[in-house]
N, C-alpha and C. Protein backbone atom coordinates (compact mmCIF):
# COMPACT_ATOMS: atom_id res chain seq x y z
N UNK A 1 0.84 -1.20 0.00
CA UNK A 1 0.00 0.00 0.00
C UNK A 1 0.87 1.25 0.00
N UNK A 2 0.57 2.24 -0.81
CA UNK A 2 1.37 3.44 -0.94
C UNK A 2 1.29 4.28 0.33
N UNK A 3 2.45 4.92 0.67
CA UNK A 3 2.48 5.82 1.83
C UNK A 3 2.19 7.25 1.44
N UNK A 4 1.85 7.50 0.18
CA UNK A 4 1.55 8.86 -0.28
C UNK A 4 0.33 9.40 0.45
N UNK A 5 0.34 10.68 0.79
CA UNK A 5 -0.82 11.25 1.50
C UNK A 5 -2.07 11.23 0.62
N UNK A 6 -3.21 11.11 1.27
CA UNK A 6 -4.50 11.10 0.58
C UNK A 6 -5.32 12.31 0.99
N UNK A 7 -6.05 12.84 0.05
CA UNK A 7 -6.99 13.92 0.31
C UNK A 7 -8.39 13.43 -0.04
N UNK A 8 -9.31 13.53 0.91
CA UNK A 8 -10.69 13.11 0.68
C UNK A 8 -11.56 14.36 0.58
N UNK A 9 -12.25 14.51 -0.53
CA UNK A 9 -13.08 15.70 -0.75
C UNK A 9 -14.47 15.27 -1.21
N UNK A 10 -15.38 16.21 -1.14
CA UNK A 10 -16.75 15.96 -1.57
C UNK A 10 -17.14 17.02 -2.60
N UNK A 11 -17.68 16.56 -3.72
CA UNK A 11 -18.18 17.47 -4.74
C UNK A 11 -19.69 17.35 -4.84
N UNK A 12 -20.33 18.47 -5.08
CA UNK A 12 -21.79 18.46 -5.15
C UNK A 12 -22.26 19.43 -6.22
N UNK A 13 -23.30 19.03 -6.96
CA UNK A 13 -23.86 19.90 -7.99
C UNK A 13 -25.37 19.92 -7.86
N UNK A 14 -25.94 21.10 -7.96
CA UNK A 14 -27.40 21.27 -7.94
C UNK A 14 -27.79 22.06 -9.18
N UNK A 15 -28.62 21.47 -10.03
CA UNK A 15 -29.07 22.12 -11.25
C UNK A 15 -30.55 22.45 -11.14
N UNK A 16 -30.91 23.66 -11.47
CA UNK A 16 -32.33 24.03 -11.53
C UNK A 16 -32.78 23.96 -12.97
N UNK A 17 -33.74 23.08 -13.23
CA UNK A 17 -34.23 22.86 -14.59
C UNK A 17 -35.75 22.82 -14.57
N UNK A 18 -36.33 22.90 -15.75
CA UNK A 18 -37.78 22.77 -15.86
C UNK A 18 -38.20 21.32 -15.60
N UNK A 19 -39.33 21.10 -14.95
CA UNK A 19 -39.79 19.72 -14.71
C UNK A 19 -40.14 19.03 -16.02
N UNK A 20 -39.99 17.72 -16.02
CA UNK A 20 -40.30 16.91 -17.20
C UNK A 20 -41.66 16.23 -17.08
N UNK A 21 -42.07 15.94 -15.86
CA UNK A 21 -43.35 15.26 -15.64
C UNK A 21 -44.04 15.86 -14.41
N UNK A 22 -45.34 15.62 -14.33
CA UNK A 22 -46.11 15.99 -13.14
C UNK A 22 -46.86 14.75 -12.67
N UNK A 23 -46.85 14.52 -11.37
CA UNK A 23 -47.51 13.35 -10.80
C UNK A 23 -48.77 13.78 -10.05
N UNK A 24 -49.83 13.02 -10.25
CA UNK A 24 -51.08 13.22 -9.52
C UNK A 24 -51.44 11.94 -8.78
N UNK A 25 -52.01 12.08 -7.61
CA UNK A 25 -52.52 10.95 -6.84
C UNK A 25 -54.02 11.17 -6.63
N UNK A 26 -54.81 10.21 -7.08
CA UNK A 26 -56.26 10.33 -7.03
C UNK A 26 -56.84 9.22 -6.17
N UNK A 27 -57.68 9.59 -5.21
CA UNK A 27 -58.36 8.60 -4.37
C UNK A 27 -59.85 8.66 -4.66
N UNK A 28 -60.41 7.51 -4.96
CA UNK A 28 -61.83 7.39 -5.27
C UNK A 28 -62.50 6.61 -4.13
N UNK A 29 -63.64 7.08 -3.66
CA UNK A 29 -64.30 6.45 -2.52
C UNK A 29 -65.78 6.21 -2.79
N UNK A 30 -66.33 5.31 -1.99
CA UNK A 30 -67.78 5.09 -1.96
C UNK A 30 -68.15 4.70 -0.54
N UNK A 31 -69.39 4.94 -0.18
CA UNK A 31 -69.89 4.51 1.13
C UNK A 31 -71.38 4.24 1.03
N UNK A 32 -71.75 3.00 1.35
CA UNK A 32 -73.14 2.57 1.26
C UNK A 32 -73.46 1.66 2.44
N UNK A 33 -74.74 1.49 2.71
CA UNK A 33 -75.17 0.59 3.78
C UNK A 33 -74.95 -0.87 3.41
N UNK A 34 -74.97 -1.16 2.13
CA UNK A 34 -74.81 -2.52 1.64
C UNK A 34 -73.41 -2.69 1.05
N UNK A 35 -72.77 -3.80 1.39
CA UNK A 35 -71.40 -4.05 0.93
C UNK A 35 -71.33 -4.11 -0.60
N UNK A 36 -72.26 -4.83 -1.20
CA UNK A 36 -72.24 -4.98 -2.65
C UNK A 36 -72.46 -3.64 -3.35
N UNK A 37 -73.36 -2.82 -2.80
CA UNK A 37 -73.61 -1.51 -3.38
C UNK A 37 -72.37 -0.62 -3.29
N UNK A 38 -71.65 -0.72 -2.17
CA UNK A 38 -70.42 0.06 -2.02
C UNK A 38 -69.39 -0.35 -3.06
N UNK A 39 -69.28 -1.67 -3.30
CA UNK A 39 -68.34 -2.16 -4.30
C UNK A 39 -68.74 -1.73 -5.70
N UNK A 40 -70.01 -1.87 -6.02
CA UNK A 40 -70.48 -1.51 -7.36
C UNK A 40 -70.26 -0.02 -7.65
N UNK A 41 -70.57 0.83 -6.69
CA UNK A 41 -70.40 2.26 -6.89
C UNK A 41 -68.92 2.63 -6.99
N UNK A 42 -68.09 1.93 -6.21
CA UNK A 42 -66.65 2.21 -6.29
C UNK A 42 -66.09 1.84 -7.65
N UNK A 43 -66.47 0.67 -8.15
CA UNK A 43 -66.01 0.24 -9.47
C UNK A 43 -66.49 1.21 -10.55
N UNK A 44 -67.71 1.65 -10.44
CA UNK A 44 -68.27 2.59 -11.42
C UNK A 44 -67.52 3.93 -11.40
N UNK A 45 -67.27 4.46 -10.21
CA UNK A 45 -66.56 5.74 -10.11
C UNK A 45 -65.10 5.62 -10.54
N UNK A 46 -64.50 4.50 -10.20
CA UNK A 46 -63.12 4.27 -10.62
C UNK A 46 -63.01 4.22 -12.14
N UNK A 47 -63.94 3.52 -12.78
CA UNK A 47 -63.92 3.42 -14.24
C UNK A 47 -64.17 4.78 -14.89
N UNK A 48 -65.05 5.57 -14.30
CA UNK A 48 -65.33 6.90 -14.83
C UNK A 48 -64.06 7.77 -14.76
N UNK A 49 -63.33 7.62 -13.66
CA UNK A 49 -62.08 8.37 -13.51
C UNK A 49 -61.04 7.91 -14.53
N UNK A 50 -60.90 6.59 -14.70
CA UNK A 50 -59.94 6.06 -15.67
C UNK A 50 -60.28 6.49 -17.08
N UNK A 51 -61.56 6.46 -17.43
CA UNK A 51 -61.98 6.87 -18.77
C UNK A 51 -61.62 8.33 -19.02
N UNK A 52 -61.81 9.16 -18.01
CA UNK A 52 -61.47 10.58 -18.16
C UNK A 52 -59.98 10.76 -18.40
N UNK A 53 -59.16 10.10 -17.59
CA UNK A 53 -57.71 10.24 -17.73
C UNK A 53 -57.25 9.72 -19.09
N UNK A 54 -57.75 8.57 -19.50
CA UNK A 54 -57.34 7.97 -20.76
C UNK A 54 -57.78 8.79 -21.97
N UNK A 55 -58.79 9.63 -21.80
CA UNK A 55 -59.25 10.47 -22.91
C UNK A 55 -58.22 11.52 -23.30
N UNK A 56 -57.20 11.73 -22.47
CA UNK A 56 -56.15 12.71 -22.77
C UNK A 56 -55.00 12.10 -23.57
N UNK A 57 -55.12 10.83 -23.90
CA UNK A 57 -54.19 10.20 -24.83
C UNK A 57 -52.73 10.26 -24.41
N UNK A 58 -51.86 10.72 -25.32
CA UNK A 58 -50.42 10.71 -25.10
C UNK A 58 -49.97 11.72 -24.05
N UNK A 59 -50.84 12.63 -23.66
CA UNK A 59 -50.48 13.57 -22.60
C UNK A 59 -50.27 12.84 -21.27
N UNK A 60 -50.87 11.65 -21.15
CA UNK A 60 -50.71 10.82 -19.95
C UNK A 60 -49.60 9.81 -20.21
N UNK A 61 -48.50 9.96 -19.50
CA UNK A 61 -47.35 9.08 -19.69
C UNK A 61 -47.52 7.75 -18.96
N UNK A 62 -48.19 7.78 -17.82
CA UNK A 62 -48.36 6.55 -17.04
C UNK A 62 -49.64 6.64 -16.24
N UNK A 63 -50.35 5.52 -16.18
CA UNK A 63 -51.60 5.43 -15.40
C UNK A 63 -51.58 4.12 -14.64
N UNK A 64 -51.66 4.21 -13.33
CA UNK A 64 -51.55 3.02 -12.48
C UNK A 64 -52.67 3.02 -11.45
N UNK A 65 -53.35 1.87 -11.32
CA UNK A 65 -54.42 1.73 -10.34
C UNK A 65 -53.96 0.82 -9.21
N UNK A 66 -54.19 1.24 -7.98
CA UNK A 66 -53.80 0.45 -6.83
C UNK A 66 -54.89 -0.51 -6.40
N UNK A 67 -54.69 -1.10 -5.25
CA UNK A 67 -55.64 -2.08 -4.73
C UNK A 67 -56.96 -1.47 -4.34
N UNK A 68 -58.00 -2.24 -4.49
CA UNK A 68 -59.36 -1.83 -4.14
C UNK A 68 -59.72 -2.46 -2.80
N UNK A 69 -60.23 -1.65 -1.87
CA UNK A 69 -60.59 -2.16 -0.55
C UNK A 69 -62.02 -1.77 -0.18
N UNK A 70 -62.70 -2.69 0.51
CA UNK A 70 -64.02 -2.43 1.07
C UNK A 70 -63.91 -2.68 2.58
N UNK A 71 -64.19 -1.67 3.38
CA UNK A 71 -63.99 -1.74 4.82
C UNK A 71 -65.30 -1.46 5.56
N UNK A 72 -65.67 -2.29 6.52
CA UNK A 72 -66.88 -2.00 7.31
C UNK A 72 -66.66 -0.80 8.22
N UNK A 73 -67.67 0.03 8.33
CA UNK A 73 -67.63 1.18 9.24
C UNK A 73 -68.52 0.84 10.43
N UNK A 74 -67.90 0.69 11.61
CA UNK A 74 -68.63 0.26 12.80
C UNK A 74 -69.32 1.43 13.48
N UNK A 75 -70.37 1.11 14.19
CA UNK A 75 -71.05 2.11 15.00
C UNK A 75 -70.19 2.47 16.21
N UNK A 76 -70.63 3.43 16.97
CA UNK A 76 -69.80 4.00 18.03
C UNK A 76 -69.32 2.96 19.04
N UNK A 77 -70.17 2.01 19.42
CA UNK A 77 -69.80 1.05 20.46
C UNK A 77 -68.92 -0.08 19.94
N UNK A 78 -68.80 -0.20 18.62
CA UNK A 78 -67.91 -1.17 18.01
C UNK A 78 -68.20 -2.62 18.42
N UNK A 79 -69.43 -2.97 18.64
CA UNK A 79 -69.76 -4.35 18.96
C UNK A 79 -69.67 -5.21 17.71
N UNK A 80 -69.38 -6.46 17.90
CA UNK A 80 -69.24 -7.37 16.76
C UNK A 80 -70.55 -7.43 15.97
N UNK A 81 -70.43 -7.21 14.68
CA UNK A 81 -71.59 -7.23 13.81
C UNK A 81 -72.36 -5.93 13.78
N UNK A 82 -71.92 -4.95 14.56
CA UNK A 82 -72.62 -3.66 14.63
C UNK A 82 -72.05 -2.73 13.57
N UNK A 83 -72.41 -2.97 12.32
CA UNK A 83 -71.86 -2.23 11.18
C UNK A 83 -72.92 -1.25 10.66
N UNK A 84 -72.52 -0.01 10.48
CA UNK A 84 -73.48 0.99 10.00
C UNK A 84 -73.32 1.28 8.52
N UNK A 85 -72.15 0.94 7.93
CA UNK A 85 -71.93 1.20 6.50
C UNK A 85 -70.69 0.47 6.03
N UNK A 86 -70.49 0.47 4.72
CA UNK A 86 -69.28 -0.08 4.11
C UNK A 86 -68.64 1.01 3.26
N UNK A 87 -67.34 1.17 3.44
CA UNK A 87 -66.61 2.21 2.71
C UNK A 87 -65.61 1.57 1.75
N UNK A 88 -65.66 2.01 0.51
CA UNK A 88 -64.73 1.50 -0.50
C UNK A 88 -63.73 2.57 -0.90
N UNK A 89 -62.50 2.14 -1.17
CA UNK A 89 -61.44 3.06 -1.56
C UNK A 89 -60.55 2.42 -2.62
N UNK A 90 -60.15 3.21 -3.60
CA UNK A 90 -59.16 2.79 -4.59
C UNK A 90 -58.36 4.02 -4.97
N UNK A 91 -57.04 3.84 -5.20
CA UNK A 91 -56.23 4.99 -5.58
C UNK A 91 -55.69 4.81 -6.98
N UNK A 92 -55.44 5.93 -7.62
CA UNK A 92 -54.92 5.96 -8.99
C UNK A 92 -53.72 6.89 -9.03
N UNK A 93 -52.62 6.44 -9.63
CA UNK A 93 -51.43 7.26 -9.81
C UNK A 93 -51.32 7.65 -11.28
N UNK A 94 -51.12 8.94 -11.53
CA UNK A 94 -51.08 9.46 -12.89
C UNK A 94 -49.79 10.24 -13.09
N UNK A 95 -49.13 10.01 -14.23
CA UNK A 95 -47.96 10.79 -14.63
C UNK A 95 -48.30 11.53 -15.91
N UNK A 96 -48.19 12.86 -15.87
CA UNK A 96 -48.53 13.71 -17.01
C UNK A 96 -47.26 14.30 -17.61
N UNK A 97 -47.14 14.23 -18.93
CA UNK A 97 -45.98 14.81 -19.61
C UNK A 97 -46.32 16.09 -20.37
N UNK A 98 -47.58 16.31 -20.65
CA UNK A 98 -48.03 17.51 -21.36
C UNK A 98 -48.71 18.44 -20.36
N UNK A 99 -47.97 19.46 -19.92
CA UNK A 99 -48.50 20.33 -18.87
C UNK A 99 -49.64 21.22 -19.37
N UNK A 100 -49.83 21.30 -20.67
CA UNK A 100 -50.91 22.13 -21.21
C UNK A 100 -52.29 21.64 -20.79
N UNK A 101 -52.40 20.33 -20.53
CA UNK A 101 -53.71 19.77 -20.16
C UNK A 101 -53.85 19.58 -18.66
N UNK A 102 -52.79 19.87 -17.92
CA UNK A 102 -52.77 19.52 -16.50
C UNK A 102 -53.85 20.23 -15.70
N UNK A 103 -53.96 21.53 -15.87
CA UNK A 103 -54.95 22.28 -15.10
C UNK A 103 -56.37 21.80 -15.36
N UNK A 104 -56.69 21.57 -16.63
CA UNK A 104 -58.03 21.10 -16.98
C UNK A 104 -58.29 19.72 -16.41
N UNK A 105 -57.30 18.82 -16.49
CA UNK A 105 -57.48 17.46 -15.99
C UNK A 105 -57.71 17.46 -14.48
N UNK A 106 -56.91 18.23 -13.75
CA UNK A 106 -57.07 18.29 -12.29
C UNK A 106 -58.47 18.81 -11.92
N UNK A 107 -58.92 19.82 -12.64
CA UNK A 107 -60.24 20.38 -12.37
C UNK A 107 -61.35 19.37 -12.65
N UNK A 108 -61.25 18.68 -13.77
CA UNK A 108 -62.29 17.71 -14.13
C UNK A 108 -62.29 16.51 -13.18
N UNK A 109 -61.12 16.09 -12.75
CA UNK A 109 -61.06 15.00 -11.77
C UNK A 109 -61.70 15.44 -10.45
N UNK A 110 -61.41 16.67 -10.04
CA UNK A 110 -61.98 17.17 -8.79
C UNK A 110 -63.48 17.32 -8.83
N UNK A 111 -64.04 17.43 -10.03
CA UNK A 111 -65.49 17.55 -10.17
C UNK A 111 -66.21 16.21 -10.03
N UNK A 112 -65.47 15.11 -10.13
CA UNK A 112 -66.11 13.79 -10.04
C UNK A 112 -66.57 13.52 -8.61
N UNK A 113 -67.62 12.74 -8.49
CA UNK A 113 -68.21 12.45 -7.19
C UNK A 113 -67.28 11.61 -6.33
N UNK A 114 -67.08 12.06 -5.08
CA UNK A 114 -66.25 11.37 -4.08
C UNK A 114 -64.88 11.02 -4.63
N UNK A 115 -64.28 11.97 -5.31
CA UNK A 115 -62.95 11.81 -5.89
C UNK A 115 -62.05 12.90 -5.34
N UNK A 116 -60.88 12.52 -4.83
CA UNK A 116 -59.98 13.44 -4.16
C UNK A 116 -58.63 13.43 -4.89
N UNK A 117 -58.15 14.61 -5.25
CA UNK A 117 -56.94 14.73 -6.06
C UNK A 117 -55.86 15.44 -5.27
N UNK A 118 -54.66 14.87 -5.24
CA UNK A 118 -53.50 15.50 -4.62
C UNK A 118 -52.42 15.72 -5.68
N UNK A 119 -51.83 16.89 -5.69
CA UNK A 119 -50.80 17.20 -6.66
C UNK A 119 -51.11 18.52 -7.35
N UNK A 120 -50.31 18.86 -8.35
CA UNK A 120 -49.26 18.03 -8.94
C UNK A 120 -47.94 18.09 -8.17
N UNK A 121 -47.17 17.01 -8.29
CA UNK A 121 -45.79 16.96 -7.84
C UNK A 121 -44.91 17.02 -9.07
N UNK A 122 -44.06 18.04 -9.16
CA UNK A 122 -43.19 18.20 -10.33
C UNK A 122 -41.94 17.34 -10.16
N UNK A 123 -41.46 16.76 -11.25
CA UNK A 123 -40.32 15.85 -11.15
C UNK A 123 -39.61 15.71 -12.49
N UNK A 124 -38.45 15.06 -12.44
CA UNK A 124 -37.72 14.64 -13.63
C UNK A 124 -38.00 13.16 -13.86
N UNK A 125 -37.86 12.73 -15.09
CA UNK A 125 -37.97 11.29 -15.37
C UNK A 125 -36.79 10.56 -14.74
N UNK A 126 -36.98 9.30 -14.34
CA UNK A 126 -35.88 8.55 -13.71
C UNK A 126 -34.61 8.51 -14.55
N UNK A 127 -34.72 8.43 -15.86
CA UNK A 127 -33.54 8.36 -16.72
C UNK A 127 -33.14 9.68 -17.34
N UNK A 128 -33.54 10.78 -16.74
CA UNK A 128 -33.27 12.10 -17.31
C UNK A 128 -31.77 12.36 -17.43
N UNK A 129 -31.38 13.03 -18.52
CA UNK A 129 -29.97 13.36 -18.72
C UNK A 129 -29.51 14.42 -17.71
N UNK A 130 -30.42 15.06 -17.03
CA UNK A 130 -30.05 16.05 -16.02
C UNK A 130 -29.24 15.39 -14.91
N UNK A 131 -29.58 14.16 -14.56
CA UNK A 131 -28.83 13.46 -13.51
C UNK A 131 -27.38 13.24 -13.92
N UNK A 132 -27.15 12.89 -15.19
CA UNK A 132 -25.79 12.72 -15.67
C UNK A 132 -25.02 14.02 -15.64
N UNK A 133 -25.66 15.12 -16.03
CA UNK A 133 -25.01 16.43 -15.98
C UNK A 133 -24.63 16.78 -14.55
N UNK A 134 -25.54 16.51 -13.62
CA UNK A 134 -25.25 16.81 -12.22
C UNK A 134 -24.09 15.97 -11.70
N UNK A 135 -24.04 14.70 -12.12
CA UNK A 135 -22.95 13.82 -11.68
C UNK A 135 -21.61 14.31 -12.20
N UNK A 136 -21.56 14.73 -13.48
CA UNK A 136 -20.30 15.22 -14.05
C UNK A 136 -19.84 16.50 -13.37
N UNK A 137 -20.78 17.40 -13.11
CA UNK A 137 -20.42 18.64 -12.45
C UNK A 137 -19.91 18.39 -11.04
N UNK A 138 -20.55 17.44 -10.34
CA UNK A 138 -20.10 17.11 -8.98
C UNK A 138 -18.69 16.54 -9.00
N UNK A 139 -18.41 15.67 -9.98
CA UNK A 139 -17.07 15.09 -10.09
C UNK A 139 -16.04 16.17 -10.40
N UNK A 140 -16.36 17.09 -11.31
CA UNK A 140 -15.42 18.17 -11.64
C UNK A 140 -15.16 19.06 -10.42
N UNK A 141 -16.21 19.32 -9.65
CA UNK A 141 -16.03 20.14 -8.45
C UNK A 141 -15.13 19.44 -7.44
N UNK A 142 -15.30 18.12 -7.30
CA UNK A 142 -14.46 17.36 -6.37
C UNK A 142 -13.00 17.41 -6.78
N UNK A 143 -12.73 17.27 -8.08
CA UNK A 143 -11.35 17.32 -8.57
C UNK A 143 -10.74 18.70 -8.31
N UNK A 144 -11.50 19.75 -8.62
CA UNK A 144 -10.99 21.10 -8.41
C UNK A 144 -10.70 21.36 -6.93
N UNK A 145 -11.56 20.87 -6.07
CA UNK A 145 -11.36 21.08 -4.64
C UNK A 145 -10.14 20.31 -4.14
N UNK A 146 -9.99 19.08 -4.60
CA UNK A 146 -8.84 18.27 -4.20
C UNK A 146 -7.54 18.91 -4.68
N UNK A 147 -7.55 19.43 -5.90
CA UNK A 147 -6.34 20.08 -6.45
C UNK A 147 -5.99 21.32 -5.63
N UNK A 148 -7.02 22.09 -5.24
CA UNK A 148 -6.78 23.30 -4.45
C UNK A 148 -6.19 22.96 -3.09
N UNK A 149 -6.70 21.91 -2.45
CA UNK A 149 -6.16 21.50 -1.16
C UNK A 149 -4.72 21.03 -1.29
N UNK A 150 -4.45 20.24 -2.33
CA UNK A 150 -3.10 19.72 -2.53
C UNK A 150 -2.11 20.86 -2.73
N UNK A 151 -2.48 21.86 -3.53
CA UNK A 151 -1.58 22.99 -3.77
C UNK A 151 -1.35 23.78 -2.49
N UNK A 152 -2.37 23.90 -1.65
CA UNK A 152 -2.22 24.62 -0.38
C UNK A 152 -1.23 23.91 0.54
N UNK A 153 -1.08 22.62 0.36
CA UNK A 153 -0.15 21.83 1.17
C UNK A 153 1.20 21.65 0.50
N UNK A 154 1.40 22.35 -0.62
CA UNK A 154 2.66 22.25 -1.34
C UNK A 154 2.82 20.94 -2.07
N UNK A 155 1.71 20.34 -2.48
CA UNK A 155 1.76 19.06 -3.17
C UNK A 155 0.95 19.17 -4.46
N UNK A 156 0.74 18.03 -5.10
CA UNK A 156 -0.07 18.02 -6.32
C UNK A 156 -0.80 16.68 -6.43
N UNK A 157 -1.86 16.68 -7.20
CA UNK A 157 -2.62 15.45 -7.41
C UNK A 157 -1.86 14.54 -8.36
N UNK A 158 -1.87 13.26 -8.03
CA UNK A 158 -1.21 12.29 -8.91
C UNK A 158 -2.17 11.24 -9.45
N UNK A 159 -3.35 11.12 -8.89
CA UNK A 159 -4.28 10.11 -9.38
C UNK A 159 -5.50 9.97 -8.50
N UNK A 160 -6.40 9.14 -8.97
CA UNK A 160 -7.64 8.86 -8.25
C UNK A 160 -7.52 7.53 -7.53
N UNK A 161 -7.76 7.54 -6.23
CA UNK A 161 -7.74 6.31 -5.45
C UNK A 161 -9.12 5.66 -5.42
N UNK A 162 -10.14 6.46 -5.20
CA UNK A 162 -11.50 5.91 -5.08
C UNK A 162 -12.52 6.99 -5.43
N UNK A 163 -13.58 6.57 -6.10
CA UNK A 163 -14.71 7.46 -6.39
C UNK A 163 -15.96 6.84 -5.79
N UNK A 164 -16.62 7.57 -4.92
CA UNK A 164 -17.81 7.06 -4.25
C UNK A 164 -19.00 7.94 -4.61
N UNK A 165 -19.98 7.32 -5.24
CA UNK A 165 -21.23 8.02 -5.55
C UNK A 165 -22.20 7.75 -4.41
N UNK A 166 -22.51 8.78 -3.67
CA UNK A 166 -23.35 8.60 -2.48
C UNK A 166 -24.83 8.59 -2.80
N UNK A 167 -25.16 8.62 -4.08
CA UNK A 167 -26.56 8.51 -4.46
C UNK A 167 -27.11 9.82 -4.97
N UNK A 168 -28.27 9.70 -5.57
CA UNK A 168 -28.93 10.85 -6.18
C UNK A 168 -30.09 11.28 -5.31
N UNK A 169 -30.13 12.56 -5.06
CA UNK A 169 -31.24 13.10 -4.27
C UNK A 169 -31.98 14.09 -5.15
N UNK A 170 -33.23 13.81 -5.39
CA UNK A 170 -34.06 14.70 -6.21
C UNK A 170 -34.86 15.60 -5.30
N UNK A 171 -34.60 16.88 -5.38
CA UNK A 171 -35.32 17.84 -4.55
C UNK A 171 -36.36 18.51 -5.41
N UNK A 172 -37.60 18.27 -5.09
CA UNK A 172 -38.69 18.79 -5.91
C UNK A 172 -39.22 20.08 -5.30
N UNK A 173 -39.32 21.09 -6.14
CA UNK A 173 -40.08 22.28 -5.76
C UNK A 173 -41.39 22.19 -6.50
N UNK A 174 -42.46 21.95 -5.79
CA UNK A 174 -43.71 21.75 -6.49
C UNK A 174 -44.84 22.49 -5.80
N UNK A 175 -45.83 22.71 -6.57
CA UNK A 175 -47.03 23.37 -6.08
C UNK A 175 -48.06 22.28 -5.86
N UNK A 176 -48.30 21.93 -4.60
CA UNK A 176 -49.20 20.82 -4.30
C UNK A 176 -50.54 21.38 -3.88
N UNK A 177 -51.53 21.12 -4.70
CA UNK A 177 -52.88 21.57 -4.39
C UNK A 177 -53.81 20.38 -4.37
N UNK A 178 -54.68 20.34 -3.41
CA UNK A 178 -55.66 19.25 -3.34
C UNK A 178 -56.98 19.72 -3.90
N UNK A 179 -57.55 18.87 -4.71
CA UNK A 179 -58.89 19.15 -5.23
C UNK A 179 -59.83 18.12 -4.60
N UNK A 180 -60.82 18.57 -3.89
CA UNK A 180 -61.74 17.64 -3.25
C UNK A 180 -63.11 17.77 -3.88
N UNK A 181 -63.59 16.65 -4.44
CA UNK A 181 -64.93 16.65 -5.00
C UNK A 181 -65.93 16.23 -3.94
N UNK A 182 -67.04 16.90 -3.91
CA UNK A 182 -68.08 16.58 -2.94
C UNK A 182 -69.23 15.89 -3.66
N UNK A 183 -69.95 15.00 -2.99
CA UNK A 183 -71.07 14.34 -3.64
C UNK A 183 -72.04 15.36 -4.21
N UNK A 184 -72.24 15.30 -5.50
CA UNK A 184 -73.15 16.22 -6.16
C UNK A 184 -72.60 17.63 -6.29
N UNK A 185 -71.34 17.86 -5.90
CA UNK A 185 -70.79 19.21 -5.92
C UNK A 185 -69.66 19.35 -6.90
N UNK A 186 -69.02 20.55 -6.88
CA UNK A 186 -67.93 20.85 -7.78
C UNK A 186 -66.74 21.32 -6.96
N UNK A 187 -65.54 21.13 -7.55
CA UNK A 187 -64.34 21.59 -6.85
C UNK A 187 -64.31 23.11 -6.80
N UNK A 188 -63.77 23.64 -5.69
CA UNK A 188 -63.72 25.08 -5.51
C UNK A 188 -62.28 25.56 -5.58
N UNK A 189 -62.12 26.89 -5.77
CA UNK A 189 -60.82 27.53 -5.71
C UNK A 189 -59.82 26.82 -6.61
N UNK A 190 -59.92 27.06 -7.88
CA UNK A 190 -59.06 26.37 -8.83
C UNK A 190 -58.05 27.34 -9.44
N UNK A 191 -56.96 27.64 -8.76
CA UNK A 191 -55.95 28.52 -9.34
C UNK A 191 -55.26 27.82 -10.50
N UNK A 192 -54.68 28.57 -11.43
CA UNK A 192 -54.01 27.93 -12.56
C UNK A 192 -52.82 27.11 -12.10
N UNK A 193 -52.56 26.01 -12.81
CA UNK A 193 -51.45 25.14 -12.48
C UNK A 193 -50.21 25.62 -13.23
N UNK A 194 -49.14 25.88 -12.51
CA UNK A 194 -47.90 26.35 -13.13
C UNK A 194 -46.76 25.41 -12.77
N UNK A 195 -45.90 25.15 -13.74
CA UNK A 195 -44.74 24.30 -13.49
C UNK A 195 -43.71 25.07 -12.68
N UNK A 196 -43.08 24.37 -11.75
CA UNK A 196 -42.01 24.96 -10.95
C UNK A 196 -40.71 24.23 -11.25
N UNK A 197 -39.56 24.92 -11.09
CA UNK A 197 -38.28 24.25 -11.33
C UNK A 197 -38.06 23.11 -10.35
N UNK A 198 -37.36 22.07 -10.80
CA UNK A 198 -36.94 21.00 -9.91
C UNK A 198 -35.43 20.96 -9.93
N UNK A 199 -34.84 20.40 -8.88
CA UNK A 199 -33.39 20.37 -8.78
C UNK A 199 -32.91 18.93 -8.73
N UNK A 200 -31.94 18.60 -9.57
CA UNK A 200 -31.29 17.30 -9.51
C UNK A 200 -29.96 17.46 -8.82
N UNK A 201 -29.74 16.73 -7.75
CA UNK A 201 -28.53 16.89 -6.94
C UNK A 201 -27.74 15.59 -6.96
N UNK A 202 -26.42 15.70 -7.14
CA UNK A 202 -25.57 14.52 -7.15
C UNK A 202 -24.30 14.81 -6.34
N UNK A 203 -24.15 14.18 -5.17
CA UNK A 203 -22.90 14.33 -4.44
C UNK A 203 -21.89 13.29 -4.90
N UNK A 204 -20.63 13.66 -4.94
CA UNK A 204 -19.57 12.72 -5.30
C UNK A 204 -18.41 12.92 -4.33
N UNK A 205 -17.79 11.83 -3.92
CA UNK A 205 -16.66 11.91 -2.99
C UNK A 205 -15.43 11.32 -3.67
N UNK A 206 -14.35 12.08 -3.67
CA UNK A 206 -13.13 11.63 -4.34
C UNK A 206 -11.96 11.69 -3.36
N UNK A 207 -11.52 10.57 -2.83
CA UNK A 207 -10.30 10.58 -2.02
C UNK A 207 -9.09 10.72 -2.92
N UNK A 208 -8.07 11.45 -2.48
CA UNK A 208 -6.80 11.60 -3.21
C UNK A 208 -5.64 11.27 -2.28
């Protein structure tokens, strides 16, 4: 093992870029006195929601439906068999790539009966080239910092001993608004949806 001194430094890069996608989380509910009626209404409302989202075609990059649950709602004393209603819930995850339709879609989803919308969450795609740019900038910063330290000690860099990528941290700046639909009602307070910058961060550690 070499006895040459080592310098361990950390490089970090944060890039502010326009978001590439917007994520929405939609919860659809039903509540009826009869279990079967609760299930039927939940399936109907879920399908209505899916049909609406799918009508936007290629503007929707991803559409995912989660598990469907029917839960008994007990009366206050919670005695066995003392059920006053059945509540159904299903969630839908939506990824939007065309922000031009986002505001309209959120509003129309919020108008659906017993449908609750959270979002949008602004983000980059998992394979975005922004992450690579951030990684390269972080590595360059680490090299420059190591070289500066070496010169301050009257030495110079001779090579790379180890490169450690501590992972990617995506910091989202997003405007999260909830749209709540009421039975027979319409969503209120619908400000325009605007994209916010997101930051891709990549730390890199370079021992010398």
